[in-house]
């Protein structure tokens, strides 16, 4: 279980796929990185709701629905960490 606090700077991770969605990249120095999120981890639950068989869009909707801060991150200011060079 990884608990990521909400942040005005964004959560700092990208996901791909569905059934389950997988963490594709984690931004260096982000709240997601500080919480211990790593590329390759599966997203099973979001706020106690099982999303393991949900679509990618549904998982994103669950993550964003619980956020207090809704401002998009500046993508060019993040150094992304991937599982492998092929993933980038």
PDB file of N, CA and C in Angstrom:
ATOM      1  N   UNK A   1       0.839  -1.183   0.000  1.00  0.00           N
ATOM      2  CA  UNK A   1       0.000   0.000   0.000  1.00  0.00           C
ATOM      3  C   UNK A   1       0.880   1.240   0.000  1.00  0.00           C
ATOM      4  N   UNK A   2       0.592   2.143  -0.910  1.00  0.00           N
ATOM      5  CA  UNK A   2       1.305   3.414  -0.990  1.00  0.00           C
ATOM      6  C   UNK A   2       0.278   4.527  -0.824  1.00  0.00           C
ATOM      7  N   UNK A   3       0.477   5.371   0.173  1.00  0.00           N
ATOM      8  CA  UNK A   3      -0.419   6.508   0.399  1.00  0.00           C
ATOM      9  C   UNK A   3       0.278   7.765  -0.084  1.00  0.00           C
ATOM     10  N   UNK A   4      -0.311   8.404  -1.079  1.00  0.00           N
ATOM     11  CA  UNK A   4       0.280   9.599  -1.683  1.00  0.00           C
ATOM     12  C   UNK A   4      -0.547  10.811  -1.262  1.00  0.00           C
ATOM     13  N   UNK A   5       0.063  11.741  -0.533  1.00  0.00           N
ATOM     14  CA  UNK A   5      -0.688  12.936  -0.139  1.00  0.00           C
ATOM     15  C   UNK A   5      -0.947  13.843  -1.338  1.00  0.00           C
ATOM     16  N   UNK A   6      -2.064  14.550  -1.298  1.00  0.00           N
ATOM     17  CA  UNK A   6      -2.379  15.493  -2.369  1.00  0.00           C
ATOM     18  C   UNK A   6      -1.384  16.648  -2.317  1.00  0.00           C
ATOM     19  N   UNK A   7      -1.122  17.240  -3.452  1.00  0.00           N
ATOM     20  CA  UNK A   7      -0.148  18.321  -3.532  1.00  0.00           C
ATOM     21  C   UNK A   7      -0.563  19.299  -4.620  1.00  0.00           C
ATOM     22  N   UNK A   8      -0.327  20.575  -4.372  1.00  0.00           N
ATOM     23  CA  UNK A   8      -0.623  21.591  -5.387  1.00  0.00           C
ATOM     24  C   UNK A   8       0.244  21.400  -6.618  1.00  0.00           C
ATOM     25  N   UNK A   9       1.400  20.768  -6.461  1.00  0.00           N
ATOM     26  CA  UNK A   9       2.305  20.514  -7.585  1.00  0.00           C
ATOM     27  C   UNK A   9       1.907  19.274  -8.376  1.00  0.00           C
ATOM     28  N   UNK A  10       0.888  18.550  -7.935  1.00  0.00           N
ATOM     29  CA  UNK A  10       0.465  17.324  -8.603  1.00  0.00           C
ATOM     30  C   UNK A  10       0.972  16.111  -7.859  1.00  0.00           C
ATOM     31  N   UNK A  11       0.519  14.940  -8.279  1.00  0.00           N
ATOM     32  CA  UNK A  11       0.906  13.707  -7.599  1.00  0.00           C
ATOM     33  C   UNK A  11       2.229  13.163  -8.107  1.00  0.00           C
ATOM     34  N   UNK A  12       2.533  13.397  -9.377  1.00  0.00           N
ATOM     35  CA  UNK A  12       3.851  13.049  -9.892  1.00  0.00           C
ATOM     36  C   UNK A  12       4.033  11.630 -10.375  1.00  0.00           C
ATOM     37  N   UNK A  13       2.984  11.031 -10.942  1.00  0.00           N
ATOM     38  CA  UNK A  13       3.165   9.712 -11.547  1.00  0.00           C
ATOM     39  C   UNK A  13       2.277   9.564 -12.772  1.00  0.00           C
ATOM     40  N   UNK A  14       2.683   8.638 -13.650  1.00  0.00           N
ATOM     41  CA  UNK A  14       1.923   8.326 -14.860  1.00  0.00           C
ATOM     42  C   UNK A  14       1.539   6.855 -14.809  1.00  0.00           C
ATOM     43  N   UNK A  15       0.351   6.536 -15.315  1.00  0.00           N
ATOM     44  CA  UNK A  15      -0.053   5.133 -15.393  1.00  0.00           C
ATOM     45  C   UNK A  15      -0.374   4.776 -16.836  1.00  0.00           C
ATOM     46  N   UNK A  16      -0.316   3.479 -17.095  1.00  0.00           N
ATOM     47  CA  UNK A  16      -0.671   2.940 -18.419  1.00  0.00           C
ATOM     48  C   UNK A  16      -1.459   1.660 -18.235  1.00  0.00           C
ATOM     49  N   UNK A  17      -2.187   1.318 -19.272  1.00  0.00           N
ATOM     50  CA  UNK A  17      -2.889   0.045 -19.305  1.00  0.00           C
ATOM     51  C   UNK A  17      -4.152   0.023 -18.466  1.00  0.00           C
ATOM     52  N   UNK A  18      -4.736  -1.181 -18.372  1.00  0.00           N
ATOM     53  CA  UNK A  18      -5.954  -1.380 -17.599  1.00  0.00           C
ATOM     54  C   UNK A  18      -6.069  -2.841 -17.224  1.00  0.00           C
ATOM     55  N   UNK A  19      -6.830  -3.092 -16.183  1.00  0.00           N
ATOM     56  CA  UNK A  19      -7.118  -4.436 -15.702  1.00  0.00           C
ATOM     57  C   UNK A  19      -5.939  -5.251 -15.227  1.00  0.00           C
ATOM     58  N   UNK A  20      -5.044  -4.785 -14.391  1.00  0.00           N
ATOM     59  CA  UNK A  20      -4.966  -3.489 -13.718  1.00  0.00           C
ATOM     60  C   UNK A  20      -4.066  -2.496 -14.446  1.00  0.00           C
ATOM     61  N   UNK A  21      -4.240  -1.231 -14.111  1.00  0.00           N
ATOM     62  CA  UNK A  21      -3.329  -0.191 -14.600  1.00  0.00           C
ATOM     63  C   UNK A  21      -1.999  -0.332 -13.863  1.00  0.00           C
ATOM     64  N   UNK A  22      -0.928   0.080 -14.535  1.00  0.00           N
ATOM     65  CA  UNK A  22       0.421  -0.060 -13.987  1.00  0.00           C
ATOM     66  C   UNK A  22       1.085   1.315 -13.955  1.00  0.00           C
ATOM     67  N   UNK A  23       1.858   1.565 -12.898  1.00  0.00           N
ATOM     68  CA  UNK A  23       2.624   2.808 -12.807  1.00  0.00           C
ATOM     69  C   UNK A  23       3.688   2.768 -13.894  1.00  0.00           C
ATOM     70  N   UNK A  24       3.643   3.729 -14.794  1.00  0.00           N
ATOM     71  CA  UNK A  24       4.587   3.793 -15.910  1.00  0.00           C
ATOM     72  C   UNK A  24       5.822   4.605 -15.543  1.00  0.00           C
ATOM     73  N   UNK A  25       5.626   5.722 -14.865  1.00  0.00           N
ATOM     74  CA  UNK A  25       6.748   6.592 -14.495  1.00  0.00           C
ATOM     75  C   UNK A  25       6.405   7.352 -13.221  1.00  0.00           C
ATOM     76  N   UNK A  26       7.453   7.680 -12.465  1.00  0.00           N
ATOM     77  CA  UNK A  26       7.312   8.463 -11.237  1.00  0.00           C
ATOM     78  C   UNK A  26       8.282   9.630 -11.332  1.00  0.00           C
ATOM     79  N   UNK A  27       7.810  10.822 -11.056  1.00  0.00           N
ATOM     80  CA  UNK A  27       8.659  12.007 -11.137  1.00  0.00           C
ATOM     81  C   UNK A  27       9.627  12.093  -9.967  1.00  0.00           C
ATOM     82  N   UNK A  28      10.879  12.418 -10.257  1.00  0.00           N
ATOM     83  CA  UNK A  28      11.872  12.609  -9.190  1.00  0.00           C
ATOM     84  C   UNK A  28      11.463  13.775  -8.303  1.00  0.00           C
ATOM     85  N   UNK A  29      11.545  13.571  -6.999  1.00  0.00           N
ATOM     86  CA  UNK A  29      11.251  14.635  -6.048  1.00  0.00           C
ATOM     87  C   UNK A  29       9.776  14.934  -5.856  1.00  0.00           C
ATOM     88  N   UNK A  30       8.898  14.111  -6.415  1.00  0.00           N
ATOM     89  CA  UNK A  30       7.454  14.334  -6.287  1.00  0.00           C
ATOM     90  C   UNK A  30       6.920  13.646  -5.034  1.00  0.00           C
ATOM     91  N   UNK A  31       5.671  13.958  -4.688  1.00  0.00           N
ATOM     92  CA  UNK A  31       5.058  13.308  -3.533  1.00  0.00           C
ATOM     93  C   UNK A  31       4.901  11.810  -3.767  1.00  0.00           C
ATOM     94  N   UNK A  32       4.701  11.389  -5.012  1.00  0.00           N
ATOM     95  CA  UNK A  32       4.600   9.958  -5.318  1.00  0.00           C
ATOM     96  C   UNK A  32       5.924   9.254  -5.038  1.00  0.00           C
ATOM     97  N   UNK A  33       7.030   9.871  -5.437  1.00  0.00           N
ATOM     98  CA  UNK A  33       8.354   9.294  -5.182  1.00  0.00           C
ATOM     99  C   UNK A  33       8.624   9.231  -3.681  1.00  0.00           C
ATOM    100  N   UNK A  34       8.287  10.294  -2.967  1.00  0.00           N
ATOM    101  CA  UNK A  34       8.503  10.331  -1.519  1.00  0.00           C
ATOM    102  C   UNK A  34       7.666   9.283  -0.797  1.00  0.00           C
ATOM    103  N   UNK A  35       6.495   8.959  -1.356  1.00  0.00           N
ATOM    104  CA  UNK A  35       5.618   7.959  -0.748  1.00  0.00           C
ATOM    105  C   UNK A  35       6.074   6.533  -1.038  1.00  0.00           C
ATOM    106  N   UNK A  36       7.024   6.370  -1.971  1.00  0.00           N
ATOM    107  CA  UNK A  36       7.545   5.043  -2.279  1.00  0.00           C
ATOM    108  C   UNK A  36       6.944   4.387  -3.502  1.00  0.00           C
ATOM    109  N   UNK A  37       6.265   5.147  -4.345  1.00  0.00           N
ATOM    110  CA  UNK A  37       5.700   4.593  -5.575  1.00  0.00           C
ATOM    111  C   UNK A  37       6.816   4.367  -6.585  1.00  0.00           C
ATOM    112  N   UNK A  38       6.767   3.229  -7.295  1.00  0.00           N
ATOM    113  CA  UNK A  38       7.803   2.871  -8.258  1.00  0.00           C
ATOM    114  C   UNK A  38       7.179   2.417  -9.574  1.00  0.00           C
ATOM    115  N   UNK A  39       7.865   2.659 -10.698  1.00  0.00           N
ATOM    116  CA  UNK A  39       7.391   2.137 -11.982  1.00  0.00           C
ATOM    117  C   UNK A  39       7.240   0.617 -11.909  1.00  0.00           C
ATOM    118  N   UNK A  40       6.179   0.125 -12.534  1.00  0.00           N
ATOM    119  CA  UNK A  40       5.929  -1.311 -12.559  1.00  0.00           C
ATOM    120  C   UNK A  40       4.916  -1.774 -11.524  1.00  0.00           C
ATOM    121  N   UNK A  41       4.614  -0.945 -10.536  1.00  0.00           N
ATOM    122  CA  UNK A  41       3.629  -1.325  -9.532  1.00  0.00           C
ATOM    123  C   UNK A  41       2.225  -1.241 -10.120  1.00  0.00           C
ATOM    124  N   UNK A  42       1.367  -2.192  -9.736  1.00  0.00           N
ATOM    125  CA  UNK A  42      -0.023  -2.220 -10.197  1.00  0.00           C
ATOM    126  C   UNK A  42      -0.891  -1.352  -9.298  1.00  0.00           C
ATOM    127  N   UNK A  43      -1.875  -0.700  -9.897  1.00  0.00           N
ATOM    128  CA  UNK A  43      -2.857   0.089  -9.149  1.00  0.00           C
ATOM    129  C   UNK A  43      -4.047  -0.830  -8.884  1.00  0.00           C
ATOM    130  N   UNK A  44      -4.205  -1.247  -7.633  1.00  0.00           N
ATOM    131  CA  UNK A  44      -5.275  -2.173  -7.267  1.00  0.00           C
ATOM    132  C   UNK A  44      -6.460  -1.433  -6.652  1.00  0.00           C
ATOM    133  N   UNK A  45      -6.171  -0.492  -5.744  1.00  0.00           N
ATOM    134  CA  UNK A  45      -7.232   0.275  -5.085  1.00  0.00           C
ATOM    135  C   UNK A  45      -6.879   1.754  -5.080  1.00  0.00           C
ATOM    136  N   UNK A  46      -7.910   2.580  -5.176  1.00  0.00           N
ATOM    137  CA  UNK A  46      -7.774   4.029  -5.033  1.00  0.00           C
ATOM    138  C   UNK A  46      -8.794   4.448  -3.983  1.00  0.00           C
ATOM    139  N   UNK A  47      -8.309   4.957  -2.866  1.00  0.00           N
ATOM    140  CA  UNK A  47      -9.179   5.346  -1.740  1.00  0.00           C
ATOM    141  C   UNK A  47     -10.130   4.229  -1.326  1.00  0.00           C
ATOM    142  N   UNK A  48      -9.604   3.013  -1.261  1.00  0.00           N
ATOM    143  CA  UNK A  48     -10.386   1.871  -0.808  1.00  0.00           C
ATOM    144  C   UNK A  48     -11.286   1.255  -1.857  1.00  0.00           C
ATOM    145  N   UNK A  49     -11.329   1.817  -3.055  1.00  0.00           N
ATOM    146  CA  UNK A  49     -12.177   1.295  -4.134  1.00  0.00           C
ATOM    147  C   UNK A  49     -11.329   0.416  -5.043  1.00  0.00           C
ATOM    148  N   UNK A  50     -11.762  -0.823  -5.240  1.00  0.00           N
ATOM    149  CA  UNK A  50     -11.035  -1.746  -6.102  1.00  0.00           C
ATOM    150  C   UNK A  50     -11.137  -1.283  -7.554  1.00  0.00           C
ATOM    151  N   UNK A  51      -9.989  -0.966  -8.147  1.00  0.00           N
ATOM    152  CA  UNK A  51      -9.945  -0.514  -9.542  1.00  0.00           C
ATOM    153  C   UNK A  51      -9.116  -1.470 -10.401  1.00  0.00           C
ATOM    154  N   UNK A  52      -8.869  -2.670  -9.889  1.00  0.00           N
ATOM    155  CA  UNK A  52      -7.980  -3.614 -10.574  1.00  0.00           C
ATOM    156  C   UNK A  52      -8.496  -4.062 -11.937  1.00  0.00           C
ATOM    157  N   UNK A  53      -9.799  -3.964 -12.164  1.00  0.00           N
ATOM    158  CA  UNK A  53     -10.363  -4.372 -13.458  1.00  0.00           C
ATOM    159  C   UNK A  53     -10.965  -3.196 -14.215  1.00  0.00           C
ATOM    160  N   UNK A  54     -10.694  -1.991 -13.737  1.00  0.00           N
ATOM    161  CA  UNK A  54     -11.247  -0.785 -14.355  1.00  0.00           C
ATOM    162  C   UNK A  54     -10.427  -0.362 -15.573  1.00  0.00           C
ATOM    163  N   UNK A  55     -11.044   0.435 -16.426  1.00  0.00           N
ATOM    164  CA  UNK A  55     -10.338   0.994 -17.578  1.00  0.00           C
ATOM    165  C   UNK A  55      -9.344   2.052 -17.105  1.00  0.00           C
ATOM    166  N   UNK A  56      -8.429   2.401 -17.983  1.00  0.00           N
ATOM    167  CA  UNK A  56      -7.449   3.444 -17.681  1.00  0.00           C
ATOM    168  C   UNK A  56      -8.160   4.745 -17.313  1.00  0.00           C
ATOM    169  N   UNK A  57      -9.153   5.140 -18.106  1.00  0.00           N
ATOM    170  CA  UNK A  57      -9.894   6.385 -17.859  1.00  0.00           C
ATOM    171  C   UNK A  57     -10.601   6.356 -16.507  1.00  0.00           C
ATOM    172  N   UNK A  58     -11.130   5.209 -16.135  1.00  0.00           N
ATOM    173  CA  UNK A  58     -11.819   5.081 -14.854  1.00  0.00           C
ATOM    174  C   UNK A  58     -10.849   5.231 -13.684  1.00  0.00           C
ATOM    175  N   UNK A  59      -9.664   4.650 -13.800  1.00  0.00           N
ATOM    176  CA  UNK A  59      -8.654   4.774 -12.737  1.00  0.00           C
ATOM    177  C   UNK A  59      -8.243   6.237 -12.591  1.00  0.00           C
ATOM    178  N   UNK A  60      -8.012   6.909 -13.715  1.00  0.00           N
ATOM    179  CA  UNK A  60      -7.663   8.334 -13.684  1.00  0.00           C
ATOM    180  C   UNK A  60      -8.790   9.129 -13.017  1.00  0.00           C
ATOM    181  N   UNK A  61     -10.033   8.807 -13.350  1.00  0.00           N
ATOM    182  CA  UNK A  61     -11.179   9.505 -12.762  1.00  0.00           C
ATOM    183  C   UNK A  61     -11.222   9.316 -11.246  1.00  0.00           C
ATOM    184  N   UNK A  62     -10.939   8.106 -10.767  1.00  0.00           N
ATOM    185  CA  UNK A  62     -10.918   7.841  -9.322  1.00  0.00           C
ATOM    186  C   UNK A  62      -9.809   8.639  -8.641  1.00  0.00           C
ATOM    187  N   UNK A  63      -8.638   8.692  -9.258  1.00  0.00           N
ATOM    188  CA  UNK A  63      -7.508   9.426  -8.676  1.00  0.00           C
ATOM    189  C   UNK A  63      -7.812  10.921  -8.624  1.00  0.00           C
ATOM    190  N   UNK A  64      -8.330  11.466  -9.696  1.00  0.00           N
ATOM    191  CA  UNK A  64      -8.567  12.915  -9.741  1.00  0.00           C
ATOM    192  C   UNK A  64      -9.793  13.340  -8.936  1.00  0.00           C
ATOM    193  N   UNK A  65     -10.765  12.453  -8.766  1.00  0.00           N
ATOM    194  CA  UNK A  65     -11.985  12.801  -8.032  1.00  0.00           C
ATOM    195  C   UNK A  65     -11.706  13.131  -6.574  1.00  0.00           C
ATOM    196  N   UNK A  66     -10.690  12.534  -5.998  1.00  0.00           N
ATOM    197  CA  UNK A  66     -10.412  12.730  -4.573  1.00  0.00           C
ATOM    198  C   UNK A  66      -9.419  13.854  -4.317  1.00  0.00           C
ATOM    199  N   UNK A  67      -8.942  14.505  -5.378  1.00  0.00           N
ATOM    200  CA  UNK A  67      -7.924  15.545  -5.210  1.00  0.00           C
ATOM    201  C   UNK A  67      -8.538  16.881  -4.849  1.00  0.00           C
ATOM    202  N   UNK A  68      -7.896  17.561  -3.933  1.00  0.00           N
ATOM    203  CA  UNK A  68      -8.293  18.912  -3.554  1.00  0.00           C
ATOM    204  C   UNK A  68      -7.748  19.912  -4.563  1.00  0.00           C
ATOM    205  N   UNK A  69      -6.527  19.659  -5.024  1.00  0.00           N
ATOM    206  CA  UNK A  69      -5.872  20.532  -6.000  1.00  0.00           C
ATOM    207  C   UNK A  69      -6.128  19.977  -7.387  1.00  0.00           C
ATOM    208  N   UNK A  70      -6.619  20.786  -8.302  1.00  0.00           N
ATOM    209  CA  UNK A  70      -6.967  20.301  -9.639  1.00  0.00           C
ATOM    210  C   UNK A  70      -6.135  20.928 -10.740  1.00  0.00           C
ATOM    211  N   UNK A  71      -5.150  21.744 -10.383  1.00  0.00           N
ATOM    212  CA  UNK A  71      -4.338  22.419 -11.392  1.00  0.00           C
ATOM    213  C   UNK A  71      -3.383  21.421 -12.038  1.00  0.00           C
ATOM    214  N   UNK A  72      -3.294  21.356 -13.365  1.00  0.00           N
ATOM    215  CA  UNK A  72      -2.381  20.411 -14.018  1.00  0.00           C
ATOM    216  C   UNK A  72      -0.921  20.763 -13.744  1.00  0.00           C
ATOM    217  N   UNK A  73      -0.089  19.724 -13.697  1.00  0.00           N
ATOM    218  CA  UNK A  73       1.342  19.913 -13.474  1.00  0.00           C
ATOM    219  C   UNK A  73       2.017  20.430 -14.727  1.00  0.00           C
ATOM    220  N   UNK A  74       3.126  21.118 -14.554  1.00  0.00           N
ATOM    221  CA  UNK A  74       3.954  21.517 -15.679  1.00  0.00           C
ATOM    222  C   UNK A  74       4.835  20.326 -16.029  1.00  0.00           C
ATOM    223  N   UNK A  75       4.464  19.589 -17.056  1.00  0.00           N
ATOM    224  CA  UNK A  75       5.135  18.347 -17.412  1.00  0.00           C
ATOM    225  C   UNK A  75       6.611  18.525 -17.732  1.00  0.00           C
ATOM    226  N   UNK A  76       6.991  19.687 -18.250  1.00  0.00           N
ATOM    227  CA  UNK A  76       8.384  19.888 -18.631  1.00  0.00           C
ATOM    228  C   UNK A  76       9.294  20.129 -17.430  1.00  0.00           C
ATOM    229  N   UNK A  77       8.733  20.312 -16.253  1.00  0.00           N
ATOM    230  CA  UNK A  77       9.549  20.558 -15.069  1.00  0.00           C
ATOM    231  C   UNK A  77       9.815  19.292 -14.263  1.00  0.00           C
ATOM    232  N   UNK A  78       9.373  18.144 -14.760  1.00  0.00           N
ATOM    233  CA  UNK A  78       9.513  16.886 -14.030  1.00  0.00           C
ATOM    234  C   UNK A  78      10.559  16.002 -14.699  1.00  0.00           C
ATOM    235  N   UNK A  79      11.427  15.400 -13.886  1.00  0.00           N
ATOM    236  CA  UNK A  79      12.344  14.376 -14.381  1.00  0.00           C
ATOM    237  C   UNK A  79      11.686  13.034 -14.077  1.00  0.00           C
ATOM    238  N   UNK A  80      11.266  12.327 -15.130  1.00  0.00           N
ATOM    239  CA  UNK A  80      10.551  11.070 -14.948  1.00  0.00           C
ATOM    240  C   UNK A  80      11.517   9.911 -14.761  1.00  0.00           C
ATOM    241  N   UNK A  81      11.148   8.977 -13.876  1.00  0.00           N
ATOM    242  CA  UNK A  81      11.912   7.764 -13.633  1.00  0.00           C
ATOM    243  C   UNK A  81      11.081   6.602 -14.165  1.00  0.00           C
ATOM    244  N   UNK A  82      11.669   5.834 -15.088  1.00  0.00           N
ATOM    245  CA  UNK A  82      10.980   4.705 -15.708  1.00  0.00           C
ATOM    246  C   UNK A  82      11.571   3.394 -15.210  1.00  0.00           C
ATOM    247  N   UNK A  83      10.838   2.321 -15.429  1.00  0.00           N
ATOM    248  CA  UNK A  83      11.280   0.990 -15.041  1.00  0.00           C
ATOM    249  C   UNK A  83      12.466   0.534 -15.880  1.00  0.00           C
ATOM    250  N   UNK A  84      12.471   0.874 -17.171  1.00  0.00           N
ATOM    251  CA  UNK A  84      13.573   0.500 -18.062  1.00  0.00           C
ATOM    252  C   UNK A  84      13.696   1.550 -19.157  1.00  0.00           C
ATOM    253  N   UNK A  85      14.800   1.545 -19.852  1.00  0.00           N
ATOM    254  CA  UNK A  85      15.028   2.510 -20.930  1.00  0.00           C
ATOM    255  C   UNK A  85      14.009   2.312 -22.049  1.00  0.00           C
ATOM    256  N   UNK A  86      13.568   1.076 -22.260  1.00  0.00           N
ATOM    257  CA  UNK A  86      12.584   0.789 -23.306  1.00  0.00           C
ATOM    258  C   UNK A  86      11.233   1.415 -22.976  1.00  0.00           C
ATOM    259  N   UNK A  87      10.944   1.614 -21.690  1.00  0.00           N
ATOM    260  CA  UNK A  87       9.666   2.186 -21.269  1.00  0.00           C
ATOM    261  C   UNK A  87       9.564   3.668 -21.569  1.00  0.00           C
ATOM    262  N   UNK A  88      10.699   4.345 -21.632  1.00  0.00           N
ATOM    263  CA  UNK A  88      10.703   5.796 -21.844  1.00  0.00           C
ATOM    264  C   UNK A  88      10.282   6.106 -23.229  1.00  0.00           C
TER     265      UNK A  88
END
